[in-house]
């Protein structure tokens, strides 16, 4: 009897163990969950906030053309809560649209004003919004966008929707003055359903172009794995690249909402008037095949699109059948009310439940539409051996110079490309746009083209140089520095004033107004003197990494003397500057901060070190808070010199907080 009781006890214990193991195993199995949209009225949910992001087609336009104006007004008419953000460097562009249209000029732009797509996406994450929408600036949107986004917002997962544009060749409608109702040409109000019926006869799909609408929720979750390359917005490839990577990454449900969102691309001709941009014709500026070539190059070089392109016809489709939204798998013949999730592998599968069959409708009407989604972008992806600007040095100077014909010149090799970009980012923050880059090698030139910088390659620059070891005191340094004075002389002869700034010079403010105040016949330069007191123009204390020269006769003649002296010297150009302009041993000094070159009568003025400190002055780089110490002194710049080695120089600048470039994502830091 006792043995029987013990046996029953073990059976009881064993049963509980089996139940526990079953529950544990159940929890460990992949979930199989039908997600149903939530109701806004349930649990006090409110409609989502929506922000539409775009950028003008013409970066130099101060106002919107008729197509863009109609498109933007159609966005605002969707809902009083819609906010529009336009990325442009023209602050007046949004003035005609009211307070709900914002202009953001703090992202990265090329020197011709084209915004960078990756910088636009990054900045959009800083806006407080439930749903972000990116759309072409000439796309008219109708109210079905709002109902579609409201539905998507209620899904129990993160998502990315795409919608192809519909090319419209006939659009005889406009919004009323209040921007609330669509009107016919005769001024009569037209209902939404009637509007869509009329347009149904005058449009065709536009799938194979890169222009499309994209929208997503949860701005804190990335759209895809990896880093987005520095594509130029509106120049092709970037939208398809993002969708391709999003599908491959499986971080979000990616679906096609082309059937539920009316994205109308106005495809009728518009009058184009001749304008002039910074001394160059619009025809020259707008011939930007090199921008599309850059995007093609990046699309082939990065991501999986070149090797594994997605099939758009295989995306889940969102349909609206008599007011009910349904997901459809176009690879099958059925439409389903929801999409299931099975572990981390959810993509395009649909819940095959017999209890749901009665809610299915035939998808044959979808499959029979003349819709060519299987166009490939792979043919447009080409890795280019050489990316070149269609600009000569002369045309580049005319585009970038300011109203005083003044330029900021930087000279850089490939090992200093990141420091170059930090320098450029800082100039962007200060709204200094009249700069130009001289690339010492083809690698720096190609890199700068992709970064949208006004760059030219000096064909006379030294070859076969190891730029990783090209720091102060090396033979490489001596050869490379002579390129700087030679390029300054060349640009001066073309009639432009030049501020030469090394890329290791951090700018706290724009020094040009002060430098320009010295007047003609004066070359102003930074002093490299490290002693706190005494003359600042002692022998060979002229720093040739920061100086300003005007395009006048005395400066041009003096720079010619410097260049010829440096060509005969086995040293760097810096001693040639001092010995030529201030005399060997300082024989041309006339005070503690000035010299006069006797043959050209050019005055050389050594700048105040409190405003223009070198890397050794007052041990500023050793301060706990370098920026605070410099700002207290009133510094306009701080030179990161008097340190040996590129790596040490780079580390010192990054640690000090005087760094403005995100190396991994190839964009300026957004503060």
Foldseek 3Di string as FASTA:
>chain_A
DVVVVVVVVVVVVVVVVVVVVVVVVVVVFWDKDFWAFDDCVPPVHDFWQEEEEEEAPQQPDLEHDPLLVQQVLLQCQLDVRYAYEYEHPRQNHCVVPDDRYHYDPLFAAFLNTFGWPLRRLVVVLVDDTFKYKYAYSRWRWHNLVRVVVRRVSRTPFWEKEKAWAKEFADDQWGAPPVSHFIAGVVGHTDDPVRNVVVRVVGIDTDQPWLGIMMMIGDSPDDLAPDFQARAGPPLTDRNQQSLQRSQVRLRHAYAYANARIHIYRHDHDDDDDWDDALNHTPVLVVPPVLSSVLSLQVSCVDDCQLPDHDQNLQGWYWHADPNQIWTDGSVDFKIGRTAIDTHSPGYRHRDDDPVRVVVIDTCVVVNPDPDDNRDGCNVSRDNDPARDDPDDPLRLQSNQADPQLAEEEEEDEDVCLQLLVQLVSLCVVQVRSNYEYEYLDRVSVRVCVSSNGRYDYDPPRDPPDDPQQCWPPDLNVQRRLLVVLVVCLVSLQVFHKYWAAYSQKFFPHDCVVVQPVVDALEKEFAFQDQDQDFFRLFQLRGDPNTIIHGSDDLRSVLSVQLSVQSVPDSGHSSNSNCCSAQNGRRVQDPDSAWGARPPSRRIYGHDDCLAVPECNHPVLLPDPASVVVSVVSVYRIYGLDPDTGPVVSVVSCVVNVSGFADVSNGTGDDD
